[in-house]
Amino acid sequence: MELDLFIRYGPALLSGFGITVLCWIVGSLGGMGLGFLIACLYQWSGSWGRACLQAYIEAVRGTPFMIQLFILYYGGPSFGLLLSPVQAGIFGFIIYGSPYFAEIFRAGFQAVPTGQFEAARCCGMTEWTIVRRIVLPQMLVSITAPLTNFMIILTKETAILSVVTVPELLFETQTMAAETFTYIEPFLALSLFYWAMVEFTSWLGRRVERHVTRHQNRQTP
């Protein structure tokens, strides 16, 4: 293993890792926010609204992420949408992740008994207050594990961003391999970077799960 390769290409790999983390975090949080909005609209919309939201969910889930990126980046200029590779990667992540997050949140809504919604409305609570004070504390218990699992999936989906020339980790690794004709070192480093991201996400998910379920672990005297 030639360590001087990492000294020479280390800055480029770290830069690619930074862009990977940027696209992953911003895209995932944006997709989570849009997914939560879709889930809320689905919960309180009529039949026509639910049909439109379901059509969006099925359309995005039914097409590969790579094709969505191609349409967004290469087809966007046809509609006046000019995006840089990084912008296309972030918006692509938001669009791709939103229906999956929406389904996770929708399952969380369904886990809360209907009677609690009705009791809160009888007490004069607004819909937002019901969500914030009653629904969210309960649904977080059931959706923390699915959210963590999907966030882990999204960490590895960042590798697809290289197809639209996003200078992320895989793009820089391929550049290093092409210029040096070495493949073990670059892709070993790539694997370690992704492993670190997955382990960090798993650790954070466990911390959040312990926090939201702490009331279930209290021992009665």
N, C-alpha and C. Protein backbone atom coordinates (compact mmCIF):
# COMPACT_ATOMS: atom_id res chain seq x y z
N MET A 1 0.85 -1.20 0.00
CA MET A 1 0.00 0.00 0.00
C MET A 1 0.88 1.25 0.00
N GLU A 2 0.66 2.12 -0.95
CA GLU A 2 1.48 3.32 -1.10
C GLU A 2 0.84 4.48 -0.34
N LEU A 3 1.43 4.78 0.84
CA LEU A 3 0.86 5.82 1.68
C LEU A 3 1.04 7.21 1.08
N ASP A 4 2.05 7.36 0.19
CA ASP A 4 2.25 8.68 -0.39
C ASP A 4 1.08 9.09 -1.30
N LEU A 5 0.32 8.08 -1.77
CA LEU A 5 -0.87 8.39 -2.56
C LEU A 5 -1.89 9.17 -1.74
N PHE A 6 -2.04 8.78 -0.47
CA PHE A 6 -3.00 9.46 0.39
C PHE A 6 -2.52 10.85 0.76
N ILE A 7 -1.19 11.02 0.83
CA ILE A 7 -0.66 12.36 1.09
C ILE A 7 -0.92 13.27 -0.10
N ARG A 8 -0.77 12.71 -1.32
CA ARG A 8 -0.95 13.50 -2.52
C ARG A 8 -2.42 13.78 -2.82
N TYR A 9 -3.25 12.76 -2.62
CA TYR A 9 -4.67 12.92 -2.96
C TYR A 9 -5.56 13.12 -1.73
N GLY A 10 -4.95 13.19 -0.55
CA GLY A 10 -5.74 13.36 0.66
C GLY A 10 -6.64 14.58 0.64
N PRO A 11 -6.13 15.78 0.26
CA PRO A 11 -6.99 16.96 0.22
C PRO A 11 -8.20 16.78 -0.72
N ALA A 12 -7.97 16.14 -1.88
CA ALA A 12 -9.08 15.93 -2.82
C ALA A 12 -10.11 14.97 -2.23
N LEU A 13 -9.64 13.91 -1.56
CA LEU A 13 -10.56 12.96 -0.94
C LEU A 13 -11.35 13.61 0.19
N LEU A 14 -10.68 14.41 1.00
CA LEU A 14 -11.38 15.10 2.08
C LEU A 14 -12.39 16.10 1.54
N SER A 15 -12.02 16.78 0.44
CA SER A 15 -12.96 17.71 -0.19
C SER A 15 -14.18 16.95 -0.72
N GLY A 16 -13.94 15.80 -1.36
CA GLY A 16 -15.06 14.99 -1.84
C GLY A 16 -15.92 14.47 -0.70
N PHE A 17 -15.27 14.11 0.41
CA PHE A 17 -16.03 13.65 1.58
C PHE A 17 -16.89 14.77 2.14
N GLY A 18 -16.35 15.99 2.16
CA GLY A 18 -17.12 17.13 2.65
C GLY A 18 -18.35 17.39 1.78
N ILE A 19 -18.19 17.30 0.47
CA ILE A 19 -19.33 17.52 -0.43
C ILE A 19 -20.34 16.39 -0.28
N THR A 20 -19.83 15.17 -0.08
CA THR A 20 -20.74 14.03 0.16
C THR A 20 -21.58 14.27 1.40
N VAL A 21 -20.93 14.67 2.49
CA VAL A 21 -21.65 14.93 3.74
C VAL A 21 -22.63 16.09 3.57
N LEU A 22 -22.22 17.13 2.85
CA LEU A 22 -23.10 18.28 2.61
C LEU A 22 -24.36 17.85 1.87
N CYS A 23 -24.19 17.13 0.76
CA CYS A 23 -25.36 16.69 -0.02
C CYS A 23 -26.23 15.75 0.80
N TRP A 24 -25.59 14.88 1.58
CA TRP A 24 -26.35 13.91 2.38
C TRP A 24 -27.16 14.60 3.47
N ILE A 25 -26.53 15.48 4.24
CA ILE A 25 -27.23 16.11 5.36
C ILE A 25 -28.29 17.07 4.87
N VAL A 26 -27.92 17.99 3.97
CA VAL A 26 -28.91 18.98 3.49
C VAL A 26 -30.03 18.29 2.73
N GLY A 27 -29.67 17.35 1.85
CA GLY A 27 -30.70 16.64 1.09
C GLY A 27 -31.60 15.80 1.97
N SER A 28 -31.02 15.12 2.96
CA SER A 28 -31.82 14.27 3.84
C SER A 28 -32.75 15.10 4.72
N LEU A 29 -32.23 16.19 5.29
CA LEU A 29 -33.07 17.04 6.13
C LEU A 29 -34.17 17.71 5.30
N GLY A 30 -33.82 18.14 4.07
CA GLY A 30 -34.84 18.71 3.20
C GLY A 30 -35.89 17.69 2.82
N GLY A 31 -35.45 16.47 2.51
CA GLY A 31 -36.41 15.41 2.19
C GLY A 31 -37.26 15.04 3.38
N MET A 32 -36.66 15.07 4.57
CA MET A 32 -37.43 14.77 5.78
C MET A 32 -38.49 15.84 6.02
N GLY A 33 -38.11 17.11 5.84
CA GLY A 33 -39.08 18.19 6.02
C GLY A 33 -40.21 18.12 5.00
N LEU A 34 -39.85 17.88 3.72
CA LEU A 34 -40.89 17.76 2.70
C LEU A 34 -41.75 16.52 2.94
N GLY A 35 -41.12 15.44 3.36
CA GLY A 35 -41.89 14.24 3.66
C GLY A 35 -42.85 14.43 4.80
N PHE A 36 -42.43 15.18 5.83
CA PHE A 36 -43.33 15.45 6.96
C PHE A 36 -44.51 16.31 6.51
N LEU A 37 -44.22 17.28 5.64
CA LEU A 37 -45.31 18.12 5.11
C LEU A 37 -46.29 17.27 4.30
N ILE A 38 -45.76 16.39 3.47
CA ILE A 38 -46.64 15.52 2.67
C ILE A 38 -47.48 14.63 3.58
N ALA A 39 -46.87 14.08 4.63
CA ALA A 39 -47.61 13.22 5.56
C ALA A 39 -48.72 13.99 6.27
N CYS A 40 -48.42 15.24 6.66
CA CYS A 40 -49.45 16.06 7.32
C CYS A 40 -50.58 16.38 6.35
N LEU A 41 -50.24 16.75 5.12
CA LEU A 41 -51.27 17.05 4.13
C LEU A 41 -52.11 15.81 3.84
N TYR A 42 -51.44 14.66 3.78
CA TYR A 42 -52.17 13.41 3.53
C TYR A 42 -53.13 13.11 4.69
N GLN A 43 -52.69 13.42 5.90
CA GLN A 43 -53.50 13.12 7.08
C GLN A 43 -54.76 13.97 7.13
N TRP A 44 -54.66 15.23 6.68
CA TRP A 44 -55.79 16.14 6.83
C TRP A 44 -56.39 16.61 5.51
N SER A 45 -56.03 15.96 4.40
CA SER A 45 -56.60 16.34 3.10
C SER A 45 -57.81 15.47 2.79
N GLY A 46 -58.55 15.93 1.79
CA GLY A 46 -59.68 15.15 1.30
C GLY A 46 -59.21 14.07 0.34
N SER A 47 -60.17 13.40 -0.29
CA SER A 47 -59.84 12.27 -1.16
C SER A 47 -59.02 12.70 -2.37
N TRP A 48 -59.35 13.88 -2.96
CA TRP A 48 -58.61 14.36 -4.12
C TRP A 48 -57.18 14.74 -3.76
N GLY A 49 -57.02 15.39 -2.63
CA GLY A 49 -55.68 15.75 -2.19
C GLY A 49 -54.84 14.52 -1.91
N ARG A 50 -55.43 13.52 -1.28
CA ARG A 50 -54.69 12.29 -1.01
C ARG A 50 -54.32 11.57 -2.30
N ALA A 51 -55.20 11.61 -3.28
CA ALA A 51 -54.91 10.96 -4.56
C ALA A 51 -53.71 11.63 -5.25
N CYS A 52 -53.65 12.96 -5.21
CA CYS A 52 -52.52 13.68 -5.82
C CYS A 52 -51.22 13.37 -5.09
N LEU A 53 -51.28 13.37 -3.76
CA LEU A 53 -50.08 13.08 -2.98
C LEU A 53 -49.62 11.64 -3.20
N GLN A 54 -50.56 10.72 -3.28
CA GLN A 54 -50.20 9.33 -3.52
C GLN A 54 -49.59 9.14 -4.90
N ALA A 55 -50.09 9.90 -5.88
CA ALA A 55 -49.52 9.82 -7.24
C ALA A 55 -48.07 10.30 -7.23
N TYR A 56 -47.78 11.38 -6.49
CA TYR A 56 -46.40 11.87 -6.37
C TYR A 56 -45.52 10.83 -5.71
N ILE A 57 -46.01 10.24 -4.63
CA ILE A 57 -45.23 9.23 -3.90
C ILE A 57 -44.90 8.05 -4.80
N GLU A 58 -45.90 7.55 -5.51
CA GLU A 58 -45.68 6.39 -6.36
C GLU A 58 -44.77 6.71 -7.55
N ALA A 59 -44.89 7.93 -8.09
CA ALA A 59 -44.06 8.30 -9.23
C ALA A 59 -42.59 8.37 -8.84
N VAL A 60 -42.30 8.95 -7.69
CA VAL A 60 -40.91 9.08 -7.26
C VAL A 60 -40.35 7.73 -6.81
N ARG A 61 -41.14 6.98 -6.06
CA ARG A 61 -40.65 5.67 -5.60
C ARG A 61 -40.53 4.66 -6.73
N GLY A 62 -41.27 4.87 -7.80
CA GLY A 62 -41.28 3.92 -8.90
C GLY A 62 -40.22 4.14 -9.95
N THR A 63 -39.38 5.17 -9.78
CA THR A 63 -38.31 5.46 -10.74
C THR A 63 -36.96 5.47 -10.03
N PRO A 64 -35.91 4.98 -10.70
CA PRO A 64 -34.58 4.95 -10.07
C PRO A 64 -34.05 6.36 -9.79
N PHE A 65 -33.27 6.46 -8.74
CA PHE A 65 -32.68 7.74 -8.35
C PHE A 65 -31.79 8.29 -9.45
N MET A 66 -31.07 7.42 -10.15
CA MET A 66 -30.17 7.89 -11.20
C MET A 66 -30.95 8.58 -12.32
N ILE A 67 -32.09 8.02 -12.70
CA ILE A 67 -32.90 8.62 -13.76
C ILE A 67 -33.44 9.97 -13.31
N GLN A 68 -33.85 10.07 -12.05
CA GLN A 68 -34.33 11.35 -11.52
C GLN A 68 -33.23 12.41 -11.59
N LEU A 69 -31.99 12.00 -11.28
CA LEU A 69 -30.88 12.95 -11.35
C LEU A 69 -30.63 13.41 -12.79
N PHE A 70 -30.68 12.46 -13.73
CA PHE A 70 -30.48 12.82 -15.14
C PHE A 70 -31.53 13.82 -15.60
N ILE A 71 -32.79 13.56 -15.23
CA ILE A 71 -33.87 14.46 -15.65
C ILE A 71 -33.68 15.84 -15.02
N LEU A 72 -33.29 15.86 -13.75
CA LEU A 72 -33.16 17.13 -13.04
C LEU A 72 -31.98 17.95 -13.55
N TYR A 73 -30.84 17.28 -13.78
CA TYR A 73 -29.62 18.01 -14.15
C TYR A 73 -29.53 18.27 -15.66
N TYR A 74 -29.74 17.22 -16.45
CA TYR A 74 -29.60 17.38 -17.90
C TYR A 74 -30.89 17.85 -18.58
N GLY A 75 -32.03 17.49 -18.00
CA GLY A 75 -33.29 17.92 -18.59
C GLY A 75 -33.82 19.22 -18.02
N GLY A 76 -33.28 19.65 -16.87
CA GLY A 76 -33.74 20.88 -16.25
C GLY A 76 -33.64 22.11 -17.13
N PRO A 77 -32.53 22.30 -17.88
CA PRO A 77 -32.42 23.49 -18.74
C PRO A 77 -33.53 23.61 -19.77
N SER A 78 -34.14 22.49 -20.17
CA SER A 78 -35.26 22.55 -21.11
C SER A 78 -36.47 23.26 -20.52
N PHE A 79 -36.53 23.28 -19.17
CA PHE A 79 -37.64 23.94 -18.47
C PHE A 79 -37.17 25.22 -17.78
N GLY A 80 -35.98 25.69 -18.13
CA GLY A 80 -35.45 26.90 -17.52
C GLY A 80 -34.84 26.69 -16.15
N LEU A 81 -34.58 25.43 -15.79
CA LEU A 81 -34.02 25.11 -14.47
C LEU A 81 -32.53 24.82 -14.64
N LEU A 82 -31.69 25.79 -14.29
CA LEU A 82 -30.25 25.64 -14.42
C LEU A 82 -29.65 25.42 -13.04
N LEU A 83 -29.10 24.25 -12.82
CA LEU A 83 -28.54 23.88 -11.52
C LEU A 83 -27.10 23.45 -11.69
N SER A 84 -26.29 23.79 -10.70
CA SER A 84 -24.93 23.27 -10.66
C SER A 84 -25.00 21.79 -10.26
N PRO A 85 -23.93 21.03 -10.45
CA PRO A 85 -23.97 19.62 -10.05
C PRO A 85 -24.32 19.42 -8.57
N VAL A 86 -23.73 20.24 -7.70
CA VAL A 86 -24.02 20.09 -6.27
C VAL A 86 -25.49 20.44 -5.97
N GLN A 87 -25.99 21.51 -6.58
CA GLN A 87 -27.40 21.87 -6.39
C GLN A 87 -28.32 20.77 -6.89
N ALA A 88 -27.98 20.19 -8.04
CA ALA A 88 -28.80 19.10 -8.58
C ALA A 88 -28.76 17.90 -7.64
N GLY A 89 -27.59 17.63 -7.06
CA GLY A 89 -27.49 16.52 -6.13
C GLY A 89 -28.34 16.72 -4.89
N ILE A 90 -28.31 17.94 -4.34
CA ILE A 90 -29.10 18.22 -3.14
C ILE A 90 -30.59 18.16 -3.44
N PHE A 91 -31.03 18.83 -4.51
CA PHE A 91 -32.45 18.81 -4.85
C PHE A 91 -32.89 17.40 -5.23
N GLY A 92 -32.00 16.65 -5.88
CA GLY A 92 -32.34 15.27 -6.20
C GLY A 92 -32.56 14.45 -4.95
N PHE A 93 -31.73 14.65 -3.94
CA PHE A 93 -31.88 13.93 -2.68
C PHE A 93 -33.20 14.31 -1.99
N ILE A 94 -33.53 15.59 -2.03
CA ILE A 94 -34.78 16.04 -1.40
C ILE A 94 -35.98 15.38 -2.06
N ILE A 95 -35.99 15.39 -3.39
CA ILE A 95 -37.12 14.79 -4.11
C ILE A 95 -37.16 13.28 -3.90
N TYR A 96 -36.00 12.63 -4.01
CA TYR A 96 -35.94 11.18 -3.89
C TYR A 96 -36.34 10.69 -2.50
N GLY A 97 -35.88 11.40 -1.47
CA GLY A 97 -36.14 10.93 -0.11
C GLY A 97 -37.51 11.27 0.43
N SER A 98 -38.14 12.35 -0.11
CA SER A 98 -39.39 12.83 0.48
C SER A 98 -40.51 11.80 0.52
N PRO A 99 -40.77 11.00 -0.53
CA PRO A 99 -41.87 10.04 -0.42
C PRO A 99 -41.61 8.94 0.59
N TYR A 100 -40.35 8.53 0.72
CA TYR A 100 -40.03 7.49 1.71
C TYR A 100 -40.20 8.03 3.13
N PHE A 101 -39.71 9.25 3.35
CA PHE A 101 -39.93 9.87 4.65
C PHE A 101 -41.42 10.08 4.91
N ALA A 102 -42.17 10.46 3.87
CA ALA A 102 -43.60 10.68 4.03
C ALA A 102 -44.31 9.41 4.49
N GLU A 103 -43.92 8.28 3.91
CA GLU A 103 -44.54 7.01 4.30
C GLU A 103 -44.18 6.62 5.73
N ILE A 104 -42.95 6.93 6.14
CA ILE A 104 -42.55 6.65 7.52
C ILE A 104 -43.36 7.50 8.48
N PHE A 105 -43.49 8.80 8.18
CA PHE A 105 -44.28 9.68 9.04
C PHE A 105 -45.76 9.30 9.02
N ARG A 106 -46.26 8.88 7.86
CA ARG A 106 -47.67 8.50 7.78
C ARG A 106 -47.95 7.27 8.66
N ALA A 107 -47.00 6.34 8.66
CA ALA A 107 -47.14 5.18 9.55
C ALA A 107 -47.11 5.62 11.01
N GLY A 108 -46.30 6.64 11.31
CA GLY A 108 -46.26 7.15 12.68
C GLY A 108 -47.58 7.80 13.07
N PHE A 109 -48.20 8.54 12.16
CA PHE A 109 -49.51 9.12 12.43
C PHE A 109 -50.54 8.02 12.72
N GLN A 110 -50.50 6.96 11.93
CA GLN A 110 -51.47 5.89 12.09
C GLN A 110 -51.26 5.11 13.38
N ALA A 111 -50.04 5.19 13.94
CA ALA A 111 -49.78 4.49 15.20
C ALA A 111 -50.40 5.18 16.40
N VAL A 112 -50.78 6.45 16.24
CA VAL A 112 -51.43 7.19 17.34
C VAL A 112 -52.93 6.89 17.29
N PRO A 113 -53.53 6.45 18.39
CA PRO A 113 -54.96 6.14 18.40
C PRO A 113 -55.82 7.31 17.94
N THR A 114 -56.83 7.03 17.14
CA THR A 114 -57.71 8.07 16.62
C THR A 114 -58.42 8.82 17.73
N GLY A 115 -58.73 8.10 18.81
CA GLY A 115 -59.43 8.73 19.93
C GLY A 115 -58.67 9.90 20.53
N GLN A 116 -57.35 9.87 20.46
CA GLN A 116 -56.57 10.98 21.00
C GLN A 116 -56.73 12.24 20.15
N PHE A 117 -56.84 12.07 18.82
CA PHE A 117 -57.12 13.22 17.96
C PHE A 117 -58.47 13.82 18.32
N GLU A 118 -59.47 12.97 18.46
CA GLU A 118 -60.82 13.45 18.75
C GLU A 118 -60.90 14.12 20.11
N ALA A 119 -60.21 13.55 21.11
CA ALA A 119 -60.23 14.15 22.44
C ALA A 119 -59.54 15.51 22.44
N ALA A 120 -58.45 15.63 21.70
CA ALA A 120 -57.73 16.91 21.63
C ALA A 120 -58.59 17.97 20.95
N ARG A 121 -59.30 17.59 19.89
CA ARG A 121 -60.17 18.56 19.21
C ARG A 121 -61.31 18.99 20.12
N CYS A 122 -61.81 18.07 20.92
CA CYS A 122 -62.88 18.42 21.86
C CYS A 122 -62.39 19.40 22.92
N CYS A 123 -61.09 19.35 23.21
CA CYS A 123 -60.50 20.29 24.19
C CYS A 123 -60.18 21.64 23.56
N GLY A 124 -60.44 21.79 22.27
CA GLY A 124 -60.21 23.07 21.60
C GLY A 124 -58.83 23.26 21.05
N MET A 125 -58.02 22.20 20.96
CA MET A 125 -56.67 22.33 20.43
C MET A 125 -56.70 22.50 18.92
N THR A 126 -55.76 23.30 18.42
CA THR A 126 -55.61 23.43 16.97
C THR A 126 -54.90 22.19 16.42
N GLU A 127 -54.97 22.03 15.10
CA GLU A 127 -54.34 20.85 14.50
C GLU A 127 -52.83 20.87 14.71
N TRP A 128 -52.20 22.03 14.60
CA TRP A 128 -50.75 22.10 14.81
C TRP A 128 -50.39 21.78 16.25
N THR A 129 -51.20 22.25 17.21
CA THR A 129 -50.94 21.93 18.61
C THR A 129 -51.10 20.44 18.87
N ILE A 130 -52.06 19.83 18.21
CA ILE A 130 -52.25 18.38 18.35
C ILE A 130 -51.02 17.63 17.86
N VAL A 131 -50.50 18.07 16.71
CA VAL A 131 -49.32 17.41 16.15
C VAL A 131 -48.12 17.61 17.07
N ARG A 132 -47.92 18.84 17.54
CA ARG A 132 -46.72 19.16 18.32
C ARG A 132 -46.76 18.58 19.72
N ARG A 133 -47.90 18.62 20.38
CA ARG A 133 -47.97 18.23 21.78
C ARG A 133 -48.39 16.78 22.00
N ILE A 134 -49.11 16.19 21.05
CA ILE A 134 -49.65 14.85 21.26
C ILE A 134 -49.07 13.83 20.29
N VAL A 135 -49.06 14.18 19.00
CA VAL A 135 -48.69 13.19 17.98
C VAL A 135 -47.18 12.96 17.94
N LEU A 136 -46.40 14.03 17.80
CA LEU A 136 -44.95 13.88 17.63
C LEU A 136 -44.27 13.11 18.77
N PRO A 137 -44.56 13.41 20.05
CA PRO A 137 -43.89 12.64 21.11
C PRO A 137 -44.16 11.14 21.04
N GLN A 138 -45.34 10.76 20.55
CA GLN A 138 -45.66 9.34 20.48
C GLN A 138 -45.13 8.70 19.21
N MET A 139 -45.26 9.41 18.08
CA MET A 139 -44.85 8.80 16.82
C MET A 139 -43.34 8.65 16.72
N LEU A 140 -42.57 9.50 17.41
CA LEU A 140 -41.12 9.38 17.36
C LEU A 140 -40.64 8.04 17.90
N VAL A 141 -41.40 7.49 18.84
CA VAL A 141 -41.02 6.19 19.40
C VAL A 141 -41.05 5.11 18.33
N SER A 142 -42.05 5.15 17.46
CA SER A 142 -42.21 4.09 16.47
C SER A 142 -41.45 4.34 15.17
N ILE A 143 -41.05 5.59 14.89
CA ILE A 143 -40.44 5.87 13.59
C ILE A 143 -38.93 6.12 13.68
N THR A 144 -38.36 6.16 14.88
CA THR A 144 -36.92 6.44 14.99
C THR A 144 -36.09 5.39 14.28
N ALA A 145 -36.40 4.11 14.48
CA ALA A 145 -35.63 3.04 13.83
C ALA A 145 -35.78 3.08 12.31
N PRO A 146 -37.00 3.20 11.75
CA PRO A 146 -37.11 3.32 10.29
C PRO A 146 -36.40 4.56 9.73
N LEU A 147 -36.48 5.69 10.44
CA LEU A 147 -35.78 6.88 9.98
C LEU A 147 -34.26 6.66 9.94
N THR A 148 -33.73 6.01 10.98
CA THR A 148 -32.30 5.73 11.02
C THR A 148 -31.89 4.82 9.88
N ASN A 149 -32.69 3.77 9.63
CA ASN A 149 -32.37 2.84 8.55
C ASN A 149 -32.36 3.54 7.20
N PHE A 150 -33.34 4.42 6.96
CA PHE A 150 -33.39 5.09 5.67
C PHE A 150 -32.26 6.11 5.53
N MET A 151 -31.89 6.75 6.63
CA MET A 151 -30.75 7.67 6.58
C MET A 151 -29.47 6.92 6.23
N ILE A 152 -29.33 5.69 6.73
CA ILE A 152 -28.17 4.87 6.38
C ILE A 152 -28.19 4.53 4.90
N ILE A 153 -29.37 4.21 4.37
CA ILE A 153 -29.48 3.93 2.94
C ILE A 153 -29.07 5.16 2.13
N LEU A 154 -29.48 6.34 2.57
CA LEU A 154 -29.15 7.55 1.83
C LEU A 154 -27.66 7.85 1.85
N THR A 155 -26.95 7.45 2.91
CA THR A 155 -25.50 7.68 2.93
C THR A 155 -24.84 6.99 1.74
N LYS A 156 -25.32 5.78 1.41
CA LYS A 156 -24.71 5.03 0.30
C LYS A 156 -25.25 5.46 -1.05
N GLU A 157 -26.44 6.06 -1.06
CA GLU A 157 -26.98 6.57 -2.33
C GLU A 157 -26.21 7.79 -2.83
N THR A 158 -25.42 8.42 -1.96
CA THR A 158 -24.64 9.59 -2.40
C THR A 158 -23.65 9.22 -3.50
N ALA A 159 -23.28 7.94 -3.58
CA ALA A 159 -22.32 7.52 -4.61
C ALA A 159 -22.88 7.75 -6.02
N ILE A 160 -24.22 7.75 -6.15
CA ILE A 160 -24.83 7.93 -7.47
C ILE A 160 -24.64 9.36 -7.97
N LEU A 161 -24.39 10.29 -7.07
CA LEU A 161 -24.25 11.69 -7.48
C LEU A 161 -23.10 11.91 -8.45
N SER A 162 -22.14 11.00 -8.48
CA SER A 162 -21.00 11.16 -9.38
C SER A 162 -21.41 11.10 -10.84
N VAL A 163 -22.58 10.53 -11.15
CA VAL A 163 -23.00 10.41 -12.56
C VAL A 163 -23.36 11.76 -13.15
N VAL A 164 -23.62 12.76 -12.30
CA VAL A 164 -23.90 14.12 -12.80
C VAL A 164 -22.74 15.05 -12.44
N THR A 165 -21.57 14.46 -12.32
CA THR A 165 -20.29 15.16 -12.09
C THR A 165 -20.24 15.94 -10.78
N VAL A 166 -21.00 15.51 -9.78
CA VAL A 166 -20.84 16.10 -8.45
C VAL A 166 -19.47 15.66 -7.92
N PRO A 167 -18.60 16.58 -7.52
CA PRO A 167 -17.26 16.19 -7.07
C PRO A 167 -17.26 15.61 -5.66
N GLU A 168 -18.07 14.57 -5.48
CA GLU A 168 -18.18 13.96 -4.16
C GLU A 168 -17.12 12.86 -4.01
N LEU A 169 -17.28 12.02 -2.99
CA LEU A 169 -16.23 11.09 -2.62
C LEU A 169 -15.92 10.07 -3.71
N LEU A 170 -16.95 9.45 -4.28
CA LEU A 170 -16.70 8.46 -5.33
C LEU A 170 -16.06 9.10 -6.56
N PHE A 171 -16.51 10.30 -6.92
CA PHE A 171 -15.93 11.01 -8.06
C PHE A 171 -14.44 11.23 -7.86
N GLU A 172 -14.05 11.70 -6.68
CA GLU A 172 -12.64 11.94 -6.40
C GLU A 172 -11.86 10.63 -6.33
N THR A 173 -12.49 9.58 -5.82
CA THR A 173 -11.83 8.28 -5.76
C THR A 173 -11.57 7.73 -7.15
N GLN A 174 -12.56 7.85 -8.04
CA GLN A 174 -12.37 7.40 -9.42
C GLN A 174 -11.28 8.21 -10.13
N THR A 175 -11.22 9.50 -9.84
CA THR A 175 -10.17 10.34 -10.42
C THR A 175 -8.80 9.88 -9.94
N MET A 176 -8.69 9.60 -8.65
CA MET A 176 -7.43 9.12 -8.09
C MET A 176 -7.03 7.79 -8.73
N ALA A 177 -7.98 6.87 -8.87
CA ALA A 177 -7.67 5.56 -9.46
C ALA A 177 -7.26 5.70 -10.93
N ALA A 178 -7.93 6.58 -11.67
CA ALA A 178 -7.62 6.75 -13.09
C ALA A 178 -6.25 7.37 -13.30
N GLU A 179 -5.84 8.26 -12.41
CA GLU A 179 -4.56 8.94 -12.58
C GLU A 179 -3.38 8.12 -12.09
N THR A 180 -3.61 7.24 -11.15
CA THR A 180 -2.50 6.48 -10.55
C THR A 180 -2.50 5.01 -10.94
N PHE A 181 -3.57 4.55 -11.58
CA PHE A 181 -3.72 3.14 -11.96
C PHE A 181 -3.65 2.22 -10.75
N THR A 182 -4.06 2.72 -9.61
CA THR A 182 -4.18 1.90 -8.40
C THR A 182 -5.65 1.88 -7.99
N TYR A 183 -6.10 0.74 -7.49
CA TYR A 183 -7.51 0.60 -7.18
C TYR A 183 -7.77 0.14 -5.75
N ILE A 184 -6.83 -0.59 -5.17
CA ILE A 184 -7.05 -1.08 -3.80
C ILE A 184 -7.07 0.09 -2.82
N GLU A 185 -6.06 0.94 -2.87
CA GLU A 185 -5.97 2.05 -1.92
C GLU A 185 -7.13 3.02 -2.03
N PRO A 186 -7.46 3.50 -3.24
CA PRO A 186 -8.56 4.46 -3.33
C PRO A 186 -9.89 3.91 -2.85
N PHE A 187 -10.21 2.68 -3.27
CA PHE A 187 -11.52 2.15 -2.92
C PHE A 187 -11.56 1.61 -1.49
N LEU A 188 -10.41 1.28 -0.93
CA LEU A 188 -10.36 0.97 0.49
C LEU A 188 -10.65 2.21 1.31
N ALA A 189 -10.05 3.34 0.91
CA ALA A 189 -10.35 4.61 1.59
C ALA A 189 -11.82 4.97 1.43
N LEU A 190 -12.37 4.75 0.24
CA LEU A 190 -13.78 5.03 -0.01
C LEU A 190 -14.66 4.21 0.93
N SER A 191 -14.35 2.94 1.09
CA SER A 191 -15.14 2.07 1.97
C SER A 191 -15.07 2.54 3.42
N LEU A 192 -13.88 2.98 3.85
CA LEU A 192 -13.73 3.44 5.23
C LEU A 192 -14.53 4.72 5.48
N PHE A 193 -14.55 5.61 4.51
CA PHE A 193 -15.33 6.84 4.65
C PHE A 193 -16.82 6.51 4.80
N TYR A 194 -17.33 5.63 3.95
CA TYR A 194 -18.75 5.28 4.03
C TYR A 194 -19.05 4.52 5.32
N TRP A 195 -18.12 3.65 5.73
CA TRP A 195 -18.31 2.93 6.99
C TRP A 195 -18.42 3.90 8.16
N ALA A 196 -17.58 4.94 8.17
CA ALA A 196 -17.63 5.94 9.24
C ALA A 196 -18.97 6.67 9.24
N MET A 197 -19.49 7.00 8.06
CA MET A 197 -20.78 7.68 7.97
C MET A 197 -21.91 6.80 8.50
N VAL A 198 -21.88 5.53 8.13
CA VAL A 198 -22.92 4.60 8.58
C VAL A 198 -22.86 4.40 10.09
N GLU A 199 -21.64 4.24 10.62
CA GLU A 199 -21.50 4.04 12.06
C GLU A 199 -21.96 5.27 12.84
N PHE A 200 -21.63 6.46 12.34
CA PHE A 200 -22.08 7.68 13.00
C PHE A 200 -23.60 7.78 12.99
N THR A 201 -24.22 7.45 11.85
CA THR A 201 -25.68 7.50 11.76
C THR A 201 -26.33 6.49 12.70
N SER A 202 -25.76 5.30 12.78
CA SER A 202 -26.30 4.28 13.69
C SER A 202 -26.18 4.72 15.14
N TRP A 203 -25.02 5.28 15.49
CA TRP A 203 -24.82 5.76 16.87
C TRP A 203 -25.81 6.87 17.20
N LEU A 204 -25.99 7.80 16.28
CA LEU A 204 -26.92 8.90 16.52
C LEU A 204 -28.35 8.39 16.64
N GLY A 205 -28.70 7.42 15.79
CA GLY A 205 -30.04 6.85 15.87
C GLY A 205 -30.30 6.16 17.20
N ARG A 206 -29.29 5.46 17.72
CA ARG A 206 -29.45 4.81 19.03
C ARG A 206 -29.60 5.83 20.13
N ARG A 207 -28.86 6.93 20.05
CA ARG A 207 -28.99 7.98 21.06
C ARG A 207 -30.39 8.58 21.04
N VAL A 208 -30.89 8.87 19.86
CA VAL A 208 -32.23 9.44 19.74
C VAL A 208 -33.28 8.45 20.23
N GLU A 209 -33.11 7.18 19.88
CA GLU A 209 -34.09 6.17 20.31
C GLU A 209 -34.11 6.03 21.83
N ARG A 210 -32.93 6.05 22.46
CA ARG A 210 -32.90 5.99 23.92
C ARG A 210 -33.58 7.20 24.54
N HIS A 211 -33.42 8.36 23.88
CA HIS A 211 -34.01 9.59 24.42
C HIS A 211 -35.54 9.55 24.33
N VAL A 212 -36.08 9.14 23.18
CA VAL A 212 -37.53 9.18 23.01
C VAL A 212 -38.24 8.04 23.71
N THR A 213 -37.49 6.99 24.10
CA THR A 213 -38.11 5.86 24.80
C THR A 213 -37.72 5.82 26.27
N ARG A 214 -37.13 6.90 26.78
CA ARG A 214 -36.65 6.88 28.16
C ARG A 214 -37.78 6.67 29.16
N HIS A 215 -38.98 7.16 28.83
CA HIS A 215 -40.10 7.00 29.75
C HIS A 215 -40.55 5.55 29.85
N GLN A 216 -40.24 4.74 28.82
CA GLN A 216 -40.64 3.34 28.84
C GLN A 216 -39.70 2.48 29.67
N ASN A 217 -38.51 3.02 29.94
CA ASN A 217 -37.50 2.24 30.67
C ASN A 217 -37.44 2.57 32.15
N ARG A 218 -38.30 3.49 32.60
CA ARG A 218 -38.27 3.86 34.00
C ARG A 218 -38.84 2.72 34.85
N GLN A 219 -38.15 2.43 35.92
CA GLN A 219 -38.59 1.39 36.82
C GLN A 219 -39.56 1.95 37.85
N THR A 220 -40.67 1.29 38.04
CA THR A 220 -41.62 1.72 39.05
C THR A 220 -41.15 1.27 40.42
N PRO A 221 -41.24 2.11 41.46
CA PRO A 221 -40.75 1.74 42.78
C PRO A 221 -41.60 0.63 43.40
